[in-house]
Amino acid sequence: MTFWQWIPAASLGLAFVVTLAVLGIWRRRAARAVARNPLAHALLRSPGESLRARMAGATLDAAEYAALALFVLPLAAALLAPQWARQAHPPDRDALLALAGAAGLLQAWLAWRLWRTLGRARSLALEYEAEVAAGQELERLVPLGYRVFHDLPVRERGFSVDHVVIGPGGVFAVETEGRAARRANGGEWEVAYDGSSLRFPGWRETRPLEQAVTRAAWMGGWLSATVGETIPVQPMLVLPGWSVKRTAVSGIPVLAARRIGHFFRKLHSEPAMSEAMIERLAQQLDLRCRSAA
C-alpha cells in the first residue's frame, strides 16, 4: 500500500478534525467573552435575552451535526478504500452489508439529530419573536408611569421571568408564549380561554397558565423578602399574534399583545402602589437585571 493511497483519507480526516475543533474552540471563546466584556454588567437585559443565547447554542449544535453528517461516511469510505485496493479479490459480501448497515444507521441518526436541532432553533426563534413583540407593547406603558424590565434571570431556579411591570396598578409578572398555528387561515388566529386552559385550533394547553402563576409567586416572594413588605404580584400571560376569546371571568389575565395598553388603561384610577415603593422595587429589579451575566 503506497503513501499516495492514504491522501484522500488523510485530507478528509484533517478537514473533519479541523471543523469540529473550530466549532469547539468557538463555543469556549464565546463563553469566556462575556466575562471579559466591560458592558456585560452594565446593560439592562432586552426582551428574549435568554432565548438569544439558546438560539446561538442551537445554531452551533446544528453546525456540528451537519459537519458529522458530511464527513463521517466519506471518511469511513476513504479509510476502507486502501484496504480493499490491496486485496486480490472483492471484499466479502457479508462484511460489505454490515458496513453499509452501520453506515446507514449512523447517517440516519445524524440526520435525525440535525432535524431535531433545526426544529428546536425554529421554536426558539418563534418564542424570541413573541417576547420581542410583547416587550415592544409593554414599553408603551412607560408614559403611564410604569417601569418595565425584561428577561429577569432566576438562576437559582433555572428559569427567567419574561417581563416585569411595576407601576401605579401594582406589580405584574408577564409570561409570553409564542405559538404557531397548524394551518394558515388568511386572517387572525383565535384562542379560547375558559379560566383554566387555552384552547388553540386543534389542541389544548394549561402549562403556560401554570408557569405564569408559578413565576409570579416566586417574584412575589423574592420582592417581599427584598423590601421587607408583602408585595403581591399579578401573573399575566401574553400571546402575540393571537386574539383571545375569554369564555369565563375566572383565571389570570390572558391578552393579545395589542391589548396590553388597553388592559392597563382600564385599571382602577386609585394607585395601588406609592411612588416610593415603585422606586424601591425598580432599584432591586434593575440591579438583578444588570448583574445577570
C-alpha atoms as a PDB file:
ATOM      1  CA  MET A   1       0.000   0.000   0.000  1.00  0.00           C
ATOM      2  CA  THR A   2       1.538   3.322  -1.053  1.00  0.00           C
ATOM      3  CA  PHE A   3       1.574   6.650   0.710  1.00  0.00           C
ATOM      4  CA  TRP A   4      -0.492   8.221  -2.073  1.00  0.00           C
ATOM      5  CA  GLN A   5      -3.412   5.888  -1.419  1.00  0.00           C
ATOM      6  CA  TRP A   6      -3.880   7.434   2.024  1.00  0.00           C
ATOM      7  CA  ILE A   7      -4.028  11.031   0.797  1.00  0.00           C
ATOM      8  CA  PRO A   8      -7.869  11.114   0.321  1.00  0.00           C
ATOM      9  CA  ALA A   9      -8.453   9.654   3.791  1.00  0.00           C
ATOM     10  CA  ALA A  10      -5.893  11.988   5.379  1.00  0.00           C
ATOM     11  CA  SER A  11      -7.419  15.030   3.670  1.00  0.00           C
ATOM     12  CA  LEU A  12     -10.946  14.175   4.775  1.00  0.00           C
ATOM     13  CA  GLY A  13      -9.797  13.352   8.288  1.00  0.00           C
ATOM     14  CA  LEU A  14      -7.910  16.611   8.625  1.00  0.00           C
ATOM     15  CA  ALA A  15     -10.868  18.648   7.352  1.00  0.00           C
ATOM     16  CA  PHE A  16     -13.193  16.787   9.748  1.00  0.00           C
ATOM     17  CA  VAL A  17     -10.982  17.344  12.806  1.00  0.00           C
ATOM     18  CA  VAL A  18     -10.291  20.994  11.980  1.00  0.00           C
ATOM     19  CA  THR A  19     -14.008  21.744  11.500  1.00  0.00           C
ATOM     20  CA  LEU A  20     -15.000  20.210  14.843  1.00  0.00           C
ATOM     21  CA  ALA A  21     -12.043  21.856  16.581  1.00  0.00           C
ATOM     22  CA  VAL A  22     -13.028  25.308  15.312  1.00  0.00           C
ATOM     23  CA  LEU A  23     -16.615  24.813  16.486  1.00  0.00           C
ATOM     24  CA  GLY A  24     -15.485  23.579  19.899  1.00  0.00           C
ATOM     25  CA  ILE A  25     -12.977  26.398  20.387  1.00  0.00           C
ATOM     26  CA  TRP A  26     -15.567  28.959  19.311  1.00  0.00           C
ATOM     27  CA  ARG A  27     -18.003  27.671  21.952  1.00  0.00           C
ATOM     28  CA  ARG A  28     -15.421  28.125  24.713  1.00  0.00           C
ATOM     29  CA  ARG A  29     -14.285  31.526  23.469  1.00  0.00           C
ATOM     30  CA  ALA A  30     -17.888  32.761  23.258  1.00  0.00           C
ATOM     31  CA  ALA A  31     -18.491  31.695  26.869  1.00  0.00           C
ATOM     32  CA  ARG A  32     -15.314  33.427  28.096  1.00  0.00           C
ATOM     33  CA  ALA A  33     -16.011  36.577  26.068  1.00  0.00           C
ATOM     34  CA  VAL A  34     -18.916  37.504  28.380  1.00  0.00           C
ATOM     35  CA  ALA A  35     -16.605  37.663  31.392  1.00  0.00           C
ATOM     36  CA  ARG A  36     -14.187  39.936  29.514  1.00  0.00           C
ATOM     37  CA  ASN A  37     -16.893  42.246  28.138  1.00  0.00           C
ATOM     38  CA  PRO A  38     -16.892  45.544  30.098  1.00  0.00           C
ATOM     39  CA  LEU A  39     -20.574  46.037  29.189  1.00  0.00           C
ATOM     40  CA  ALA A  40     -21.703  42.641  30.477  1.00  0.00           C
ATOM     41  CA  HIS A  41     -22.673  44.035  33.890  1.00  0.00           C
ATOM     42  CA  ALA A  42     -23.812  47.466  32.698  1.00  0.00           C
ATOM     43  CA  LEU A  43     -26.665  46.891  30.271  1.00  0.00           C
ATOM     44  CA  LEU A  44     -30.226  46.030  31.144  1.00  0.00           C
ATOM     45  CA  ARG A  45     -31.444  42.812  29.591  1.00  0.00           C
ATOM     46  CA  SER A  46     -33.527  43.081  26.435  1.00  0.00           C
ATOM     47  CA  PRO A  47     -36.636  41.010  25.600  1.00  0.00           C
ATOM     48  CA  GLY A  48     -35.723  37.378  24.957  1.00  0.00           C
ATOM     49  CA  GLU A  49     -32.116  37.701  26.159  1.00  0.00           C
ATOM     50  CA  SER A  50     -32.054  34.108  27.437  1.00  0.00           C
ATOM     51  CA  LEU A  51     -33.598  32.850  24.222  1.00  0.00           C
ATOM     52  CA  ARG A  52     -30.950  34.593  22.126  1.00  0.00           C
ATOM     53  CA  ALA A  53     -28.244  32.644  23.944  1.00  0.00           C
ATOM     54  CA  ARG A  54     -30.133  29.374  23.434  1.00  0.00           C
ATOM     55  CA  MET A  55     -30.633  30.181  19.741  1.00  0.00           C
ATOM     56  CA  ALA A  56     -26.885  30.679  19.360  1.00  0.00           C
ATOM     57  CA  GLY A  57     -26.281  27.317  21.037  1.00  0.00           C
ATOM     58  CA  ALA A  58     -28.777  25.590  18.748  1.00  0.00           C
ATOM     59  CA  THR A  59     -27.037  27.105  15.714  1.00  0.00           C
ATOM     60  CA  LEU A  60     -23.687  25.676  16.816  1.00  0.00           C
ATOM     61  CA  ASP A  61     -25.300  22.300  17.558  1.00  0.00           C
ATOM     62  CA  ALA A  62     -26.754  22.210  14.048  1.00  0.00           C
ATOM     63  CA  ALA A  63     -23.366  23.094  12.552  1.00  0.00           C
ATOM     64  CA  GLU A  64     -21.709  20.241  14.454  1.00  0.00           C
ATOM     65  CA  TYR A  65     -24.292  17.665  13.365  1.00  0.00           C
ATOM     66  CA  ALA A  66     -24.039  18.900   9.785  1.00  0.00           C
ATOM     67  CA  ALA A  67     -20.252  18.528   9.912  1.00  0.00           C
ATOM     68  CA  LEU A  68     -20.566  14.986  11.229  1.00  0.00           C
ATOM     69  CA  ALA A  69     -23.142  14.070   8.597  1.00  0.00           C
ATOM     70  CA  LEU A  70     -20.992  15.452   5.783  1.00  0.00           C
ATOM     71  CA  PHE A  71     -17.662  13.971   6.841  1.00  0.00           C
ATOM     72  CA  VAL A  72     -18.212  10.682   8.678  1.00  0.00           C
ATOM     73  CA  LEU A  73     -19.343   8.461   5.817  1.00  0.00           C
ATOM     74  CA  PRO A  74     -16.907   9.761   3.158  1.00  0.00           C
ATOM     75  CA  LEU A  75     -14.133   9.453   5.753  1.00  0.00           C
ATOM     76  CA  ALA A  76     -15.055   5.850   6.507  1.00  0.00           C
ATOM     77  CA  ALA A  77     -15.095   5.005   2.789  1.00  0.00           C
ATOM     78  CA  ALA A  78     -11.734   6.715   2.260  1.00  0.00           C
ATOM     79  CA  LEU A  79     -10.185   4.718   5.110  1.00  0.00           C
ATOM     80  CA  LEU A  80     -11.520   1.401   3.803  1.00  0.00           C
ATOM     81  CA  ALA A  81     -10.656   2.002   0.129  1.00  0.00           C
ATOM     82  CA  PRO A  82      -6.874   1.409   0.521  1.00  0.00           C
ATOM     83  CA  GLN A  83      -7.556  -1.801   2.421  1.00  0.00           C
ATOM     84  CA  TRP A  84      -9.814  -3.107  -0.318  1.00  0.00           C
ATOM     85  CA  ALA A  85      -7.437  -1.931  -3.094  1.00  0.00           C
ATOM     86  CA  ARG A  86      -4.630  -4.185  -1.911  1.00  0.00           C
ATOM     87  CA  GLN A  87      -6.818  -7.324  -1.866  1.00  0.00           C
ATOM     88  CA  ALA A  88      -6.755  -9.558  -4.910  1.00  0.00           C
ATOM     89  CA  HIS A  89     -10.465 -10.328  -4.647  1.00  0.00           C
ATOM     90  CA  PRO A  90     -13.579  -8.248  -3.955  1.00  0.00           C
ATOM     91  CA  PRO A  91     -14.458  -7.645  -0.288  1.00  0.00           C
ATOM     92  CA  ASP A  92     -16.644 -10.172   1.481  1.00  0.00           C
ATOM     93  CA  ARG A  93     -20.340  -9.610   0.762  1.00  0.00           C
ATOM     94  CA  ASP A  94     -21.430 -10.010   4.395  1.00  0.00           C
ATOM     95  CA  ALA A  95     -18.777  -7.574   5.534  1.00  0.00           C
ATOM     96  CA  LEU A  96     -19.945  -5.037   2.969  1.00  0.00           C
ATOM     97  CA  LEU A  97     -23.566  -5.419   4.073  1.00  0.00           C
ATOM     98  CA  ALA A  98     -22.578  -4.983   7.713  1.00  0.00           C
ATOM     99  CA  LEU A  99     -20.608  -1.846   6.927  1.00  0.00           C
ATOM    100  CA  ALA A 100     -23.406  -0.466   4.757  1.00  0.00           C
ATOM    101  CA  GLY A 101     -25.946  -1.133   7.515  1.00  0.00           C
ATOM    102  CA  ALA A 102     -23.800   0.544  10.162  1.00  0.00           C
ATOM    103  CA  ALA A 103     -23.170   3.484   7.851  1.00  0.00           C
ATOM    104  CA  GLY A 104     -26.885   3.789   7.087  1.00  0.00           C
ATOM    105  CA  LEU A 105     -27.833   3.751  10.784  1.00  0.00           C
ATOM    106  CA  LEU A 106     -25.194   6.338  11.599  1.00  0.00           C
ATOM    107  CA  GLN A 107     -26.328   8.583   8.755  1.00  0.00           C
ATOM    108  CA  ALA A 108     -29.980   8.221   9.808  1.00  0.00           C
ATOM    109  CA  TRP A 109     -29.147   9.097  13.425  1.00  0.00           C
ATOM    110  CA  LEU A 110     -27.168  12.158  12.376  1.00  0.00           C
ATOM    111  CA  ALA A 111     -29.944  13.301  10.058  1.00  0.00           C
ATOM    112  CA  TRP A 112     -32.498  12.850  12.862  1.00  0.00           C
ATOM    113  CA  ARG A 113     -30.394  14.832  15.322  1.00  0.00           C
ATOM    114  CA  LEU A 114     -29.877  17.597  12.764  1.00  0.00           C
ATOM    115  CA  TRP A 115     -33.611  17.709  12.044  1.00  0.00           C
ATOM    116  CA  ARG A 116     -34.436  17.921  15.755  1.00  0.00           C
ATOM    117  CA  THR A 117     -31.855  20.639  16.317  1.00  0.00           C
ATOM    118  CA  LEU A 118     -33.163  22.731  13.419  1.00  0.00           C
ATOM    119  CA  GLY A 119     -36.684  22.297  14.789  1.00  0.00           C
ATOM    120  CA  ARG A 120     -35.500  23.475  18.210  1.00  0.00           C
ATOM    121  CA  ALA A 121     -33.868  26.511  16.629  1.00  0.00           C
ATOM    122  CA  ARG A 122     -37.104  27.337  14.808  1.00  0.00           C
ATOM    123  CA  SER A 123     -39.141  27.032  18.030  1.00  0.00           C
ATOM    124  CA  LEU A 124     -36.685  29.253  19.890  1.00  0.00           C
ATOM    125  CA  ALA A 125     -36.892  31.829  17.103  1.00  0.00           C
ATOM    126  CA  LEU A 126     -40.695  31.871  17.398  1.00  0.00           C
ATOM    127  CA  GLU A 127     -40.506  32.312  21.172  1.00  0.00           C
ATOM    128  CA  TYR A 128     -37.933  35.062  20.779  1.00  0.00           C
ATOM    129  CA  GLU A 129     -40.100  36.950  18.276  1.00  0.00           C
ATOM    130  CA  ALA A 130     -43.060  36.640  20.661  1.00  0.00           C
ATOM    131  CA  GLU A 131     -41.038  38.083  23.551  1.00  0.00           C
ATOM    132  CA  VAL A 132     -39.840  40.978  21.401  1.00  0.00           C
ATOM    133  CA  ALA A 133     -43.406  41.703  20.259  1.00  0.00           C
ATOM    134  CA  ALA A 134     -44.713  41.687  23.832  1.00  0.00           C
ATOM    135  CA  GLY A 135     -41.766  43.753  25.025  1.00  0.00           C
ATOM    136  CA  GLN A 136     -42.421  46.440  22.438  1.00  0.00           C
ATOM    137  CA  GLU A 137     -46.039  46.732  23.546  1.00  0.00           C
ATOM    138  CA  LEU A 138     -45.078  46.824  27.225  1.00  0.00           C
ATOM    139  CA  GLU A 139     -42.613  49.644  26.626  1.00  0.00           C
ATOM    140  CA  ARG A 140     -45.578  51.793  25.590  1.00  0.00           C
ATOM    141  CA  LEU A 141     -46.704  51.721  29.246  1.00  0.00           C
ATOM    142  CA  VAL A 142     -43.836  53.995  30.314  1.00  0.00           C
ATOM    143  CA  PRO A 143     -45.841  57.220  29.724  1.00  0.00           C
ATOM    144  CA  LEU A 144     -48.497  55.778  32.073  1.00  0.00           C
ATOM    145  CA  GLY A 145     -45.975  55.669  34.919  1.00  0.00           C
ATOM    146  CA  TYR A 146     -44.858  52.043  34.643  1.00  0.00           C
ATOM    147  CA  ARG A 147     -41.331  50.611  34.766  1.00  0.00           C
ATOM    148  CA  VAL A 148     -40.673  47.629  32.508  1.00  0.00           C
ATOM    149  CA  PHE A 149     -37.923  45.011  32.903  1.00  0.00           C
ATOM    150  CA  HIS A 150     -37.260  42.142  30.537  1.00  0.00           C
ATOM    151  CA  ASP A 151     -35.957  38.600  30.928  1.00  0.00           C
ATOM    152  CA  LEU A 152     -35.361  38.758  34.673  1.00  0.00           C
ATOM    153  CA  PRO A 153     -32.975  35.856  35.425  1.00  0.00           C
ATOM    154  CA  VAL A 154     -33.733  33.410  38.220  1.00  0.00           C
ATOM    155  CA  ARG A 155     -30.586  31.312  38.088  1.00  0.00           C
ATOM    156  CA  GLU A 156     -31.258  29.515  41.373  1.00  0.00           C
ATOM    157  CA  ARG A 157     -34.486  28.086  39.933  1.00  0.00           C
ATOM    158  CA  GLY A 158     -33.340  27.644  36.340  1.00  0.00           C
ATOM    159  CA  PHE A 159     -35.772  29.994  34.610  1.00  0.00           C
ATOM    160  CA  SER A 160     -36.337  33.643  33.786  1.00  0.00           C
ATOM    161  CA  VAL A 161     -39.377  35.879  34.133  1.00  0.00           C
ATOM    162  CA  ASP A 162     -40.130  37.163  30.646  1.00  0.00           C
ATOM    163  CA  HIS A 163     -41.232  40.660  31.681  1.00  0.00           C
ATOM    164  CA  VAL A 164     -41.878  42.517  34.922  1.00  0.00           C
ATOM    165  CA  VAL A 165     -44.088  45.608  35.010  1.00  0.00           C
ATOM    166  CA  ILE A 166     -44.196  47.900  38.056  1.00  0.00           C
ATOM    167  CA  GLY A 167     -46.386  50.942  38.311  1.00  0.00           C
ATOM    168  CA  PRO A 168     -49.432  52.543  39.880  1.00  0.00           C
ATOM    169  CA  GLY A 169     -51.528  49.444  39.197  1.00  0.00           C
ATOM    170  CA  GLY A 170     -49.142  47.135  41.049  1.00  0.00           C
ATOM    171  CA  VAL A 171     -46.569  44.550  40.051  1.00  0.00           C
ATOM    172  CA  PHE A 172     -47.130  42.179  37.136  1.00  0.00           C
ATOM    173  CA  ALA A 173     -45.100  39.149  36.096  1.00  0.00           C
ATOM    174  CA  VAL A 174     -45.791  38.802  32.389  1.00  0.00           C
ATOM    175  CA  GLU A 175     -45.244  35.442  30.740  1.00  0.00           C
ATOM    176  CA  THR A 176     -45.041  35.369  26.929  1.00  0.00           C
ATOM    177  CA  GLU A 177     -45.756  32.363  24.736  1.00  0.00           C
ATOM    178  CA  GLY A 178     -45.170  32.050  21.011  1.00  0.00           C
ATOM    179  CA  ARG A 179     -47.374  29.535  19.221  1.00  0.00           C
ATOM    180  CA  ALA A 180     -47.554  28.733  15.522  1.00  0.00           C
ATOM    181  CA  ALA A 181     -50.879  27.744  14.024  1.00  0.00           C
ATOM    182  CA  ARG A 182     -51.045  24.294  12.470  1.00  0.00           C
ATOM    183  CA  ARG A 183     -52.616  25.703   9.325  1.00  0.00           C
ATOM    184  CA  ALA A 184     -52.881  29.076   7.635  1.00  0.00           C
ATOM    185  CA  ASN A 185     -56.279  30.741   7.650  1.00  0.00           C
ATOM    186  CA  GLY A 186     -55.504  34.004   5.859  1.00  0.00           C
ATOM    187  CA  GLY A 187     -56.648  36.047   8.848  1.00  0.00           C
ATOM    188  CA  GLU A 188     -56.321  36.239  12.606  1.00  0.00           C
ATOM    189  CA  TRP A 189     -55.893  33.182  14.809  1.00  0.00           C
ATOM    190  CA  GLU A 190     -58.056  32.884  17.896  1.00  0.00           C
ATOM    191  CA  VAL A 191     -57.542  31.019  21.166  1.00  0.00           C
ATOM    192  CA  ALA A 192     -60.375  30.358  23.630  1.00  0.00           C
ATOM    193  CA  TYR A 193     -59.628  30.857  27.325  1.00  0.00           C
ATOM    194  CA  ASP A 194     -62.002  29.396  29.930  1.00  0.00           C
ATOM    195  CA  GLY A 195     -60.045  30.477  33.008  1.00  0.00           C
ATOM    196  CA  SER A 196     -58.176  27.187  33.398  1.00  0.00           C
ATOM    197  CA  SER A 197     -56.990  26.196  29.915  1.00  0.00           C
ATOM    198  CA  LEU A 198     -56.145  27.581  26.494  1.00  0.00           C
ATOM    199  CA  ARG A 199     -57.917  26.028  23.523  1.00  0.00           C
ATOM    200  CA  PHE A 200     -55.966  26.632  20.339  1.00  0.00           C
ATOM    201  CA  PRO A 201     -57.271  25.425  16.964  1.00  0.00           C
ATOM    202  CA  GLY A 202     -56.515  21.716  17.188  1.00  0.00           C
ATOM    203  CA  TRP A 203     -55.018  21.446  20.686  1.00  0.00           C
ATOM    204  CA  ARG A 204     -55.399  22.455  24.338  1.00  0.00           C
ATOM    205  CA  GLU A 205     -52.786  23.719  26.826  1.00  0.00           C
ATOM    206  CA  THR A 206     -52.553  24.523  30.525  1.00  0.00           C
ATOM    207  CA  ARG A 207     -48.762  24.739  31.036  1.00  0.00           C
ATOM    208  CA  PRO A 208     -48.403  28.446  30.088  1.00  0.00           C
ATOM    209  CA  LEU A 209     -51.020  29.399  32.691  1.00  0.00           C
ATOM    210  CA  GLU A 210     -49.388  27.267  35.383  1.00  0.00           C
ATOM    211  CA  GLN A 211     -45.985  28.661  34.504  1.00  0.00           C
ATOM    212  CA  ALA A 212     -47.215  32.250  34.744  1.00  0.00           C
ATOM    213  CA  VAL A 213     -48.693  31.616  38.202  1.00  0.00           C
ATOM    214  CA  THR A 214     -45.565  29.849  39.472  1.00  0.00           C
ATOM    215  CA  ARG A 215     -43.214  32.592  38.335  1.00  0.00           C
ATOM    216  CA  ALA A 216     -45.416  35.346  39.714  1.00  0.00           C
ATOM    217  CA  ALA A 217     -45.428  33.524  43.072  1.00  0.00           C
ATOM    218  CA  TRP A 218     -41.641  33.389  43.064  1.00  0.00           C
ATOM    219  CA  MET A 219     -41.462  37.057  42.115  1.00  0.00           C
ATOM    220  CA  GLY A 220     -43.794  38.000  44.969  1.00  0.00           C
ATOM    221  CA  GLY A 221     -41.745  36.042  47.490  1.00  0.00           C
ATOM    222  CA  TRP A 222     -38.451  37.492  46.301  1.00  0.00           C
ATOM    223  CA  LEU A 223     -39.638  41.110  46.231  1.00  0.00           C
ATOM    224  CA  SER A 224     -41.317  40.770  49.627  1.00  0.00           C
ATOM    225  CA  ALA A 225     -38.115  39.401  51.175  1.00  0.00           C
ATOM    226  CA  THR A 226     -36.051  42.099  49.477  1.00  0.00           C
ATOM    227  CA  VAL A 227     -38.011  45.136  50.658  1.00  0.00           C
ATOM    228  CA  GLY A 228     -39.371  43.675  53.911  1.00  0.00           C
ATOM    229  CA  GLU A 229     -43.025  44.163  52.985  1.00  0.00           C
ATOM    230  CA  THR A 230     -45.631  41.939  51.381  1.00  0.00           C
ATOM    231  CA  ILE A 231     -45.665  42.624  47.652  1.00  0.00           C
ATOM    232  CA  PRO A 232     -48.472  40.930  45.701  1.00  0.00           C
ATOM    233  CA  VAL A 233     -47.548  40.091  42.120  1.00  0.00           C
ATOM    234  CA  GLN A 234     -50.210  39.561  39.467  1.00  0.00           C
ATOM    235  CA  PRO A 235     -49.474  36.839  36.899  1.00  0.00           C
ATOM    236  CA  MET A 236     -50.308  37.631  33.292  1.00  0.00           C
ATOM    237  CA  LEU A 237     -49.995  35.735  30.030  1.00  0.00           C
ATOM    238  CA  VAL A 238     -49.499  37.415  26.638  1.00  0.00           C
ATOM    239  CA  LEU A 239     -49.980  35.574  23.332  1.00  0.00           C
ATOM    240  CA  PRO A 240     -48.568  37.726  20.499  1.00  0.00           C
ATOM    241  CA  GLY A 241     -50.204  37.136  17.142  1.00  0.00           C
ATOM    242  CA  TRP A 242     -53.366  35.595  18.617  1.00  0.00           C
ATOM    243  CA  SER A 243     -56.699  37.067  19.596  1.00  0.00           C
ATOM    244  CA  VAL A 244     -58.092  35.798  22.908  1.00  0.00           C
ATOM    245  CA  LYS A 245     -61.737  34.839  23.313  1.00  0.00           C
ATOM    246  CA  ARG A 246     -62.490  34.684  27.023  1.00  0.00           C
ATOM    247  CA  THR A 247     -65.353  32.334  27.927  1.00  0.00           C
ATOM    248  CA  ALA A 248     -65.189  32.710  31.736  1.00  0.00           C
ATOM    249  CA  VAL A 249     -64.440  35.505  34.201  1.00  0.00           C
ATOM    250  CA  SER A 250     -62.140  33.382  36.354  1.00  0.00           C
ATOM    251  CA  GLY A 251     -58.416  32.897  35.892  1.00  0.00           C
ATOM    252  CA  ILE A 252     -55.432  35.146  35.323  1.00  0.00           C
ATOM    253  CA  PRO A 253     -55.384  37.831  32.610  1.00  0.00           C
ATOM    254  CA  VAL A 254     -54.573  36.400  29.171  1.00  0.00           C
ATOM    255  CA  LEU A 255     -54.091  39.043  26.493  1.00  0.00           C
ATOM    256  CA  ALA A 256     -53.247  39.513  22.874  1.00  0.00           C
ATOM    257  CA  ALA A 257     -50.135  41.687  22.633  1.00  0.00           C
ATOM    258  CA  ARG A 258     -52.033  44.578  21.062  1.00  0.00           C
ATOM    259  CA  ARG A 259     -54.465  44.614  24.033  1.00  0.00           C
ATOM    260  CA  ILE A 260     -51.781  45.301  26.653  1.00  0.00           C
ATOM    261  CA  GLY A 261     -52.189  49.064  26.593  1.00  0.00           C
ATOM    262  CA  HIS A 262     -55.978  48.791  26.775  1.00  0.00           C
ATOM    263  CA  PHE A 263     -55.750  46.494  29.814  1.00  0.00           C
ATOM    264  CA  PHE A 264     -53.505  48.806  31.821  1.00  0.00           C
ATOM    265  CA  ARG A 265     -55.502  51.925  30.953  1.00  0.00           C
ATOM    266  CA  LYS A 266     -58.616  50.256  32.364  1.00  0.00           C
ATOM    267  CA  LEU A 267     -57.022  49.543  35.758  1.00  0.00           C
ATOM    268  CA  HIS A 268     -58.548  51.423  38.666  1.00  0.00           C
ATOM    269  CA  SER A 269     -57.509  55.043  38.896  1.00  0.00           C
ATOM    270  CA  GLU A 270     -56.598  54.764  42.593  1.00  0.00           C
ATOM    271  CA  PRO A 271     -52.868  53.878  42.717  1.00  0.00           C
ATOM    272  CA  ALA A 272     -52.195  50.504  44.298  1.00  0.00           C
ATOM    273  CA  MET A 273     -48.573  51.386  44.988  1.00  0.00           C
ATOM    274  CA  SER A 274     -46.804  54.555  46.051  1.00  0.00           C
ATOM    275  CA  GLU A 275     -44.073  56.212  44.009  1.00  0.00           C
ATOM    276  CA  ALA A 276     -41.585  55.487  46.790  1.00  0.00           C
ATOM    277  CA  MET A 277     -42.337  51.764  46.718  1.00  0.00           C
ATOM    278  CA  ILE A 278     -42.227  51.709  42.914  1.00  0.00           C
ATOM    279  CA  GLU A 279     -38.749  53.230  43.074  1.00  0.00           C
ATOM    280  CA  ARG A 280     -37.540  50.714  45.705  1.00  0.00           C
ATOM    281  CA  LEU A 281     -38.748  47.756  43.688  1.00  0.00           C
ATOM    282  CA  ALA A 282     -37.351  49.176  40.451  1.00  0.00           C
ATOM    283  CA  GLN A 283     -33.920  49.523  42.041  1.00  0.00           C
ATOM    284  CA  GLN A 284     -33.890  45.852  43.056  1.00  0.00           C
ATOM    285  CA  LEU A 285     -35.000  44.697  39.619  1.00  0.00           C
ATOM    286  CA  ASP A 286     -32.507  46.962  37.901  1.00  0.00           C
ATOM    287  CA  LEU A 287     -29.671  45.524  40.000  1.00  0.00           C
ATOM    288  CA  ARG A 288     -30.674  41.920  39.283  1.00  0.00           C
ATOM    289  CA  CYS A 289     -31.012  42.508  35.550  1.00  0.00           C
ATOM    290  CA  ARG A 290     -27.653  44.272  35.233  1.00  0.00           C
ATOM    291  CA  SER A 291     -25.749  41.616  37.182  1.00  0.00           C
ATOM    292  CA  ALA A 292     -27.245  38.736  35.175  1.00  0.00           C
ATOM    293  CA  ALA A 293     -24.072  37.981  33.228  1.00  0.00           C
END
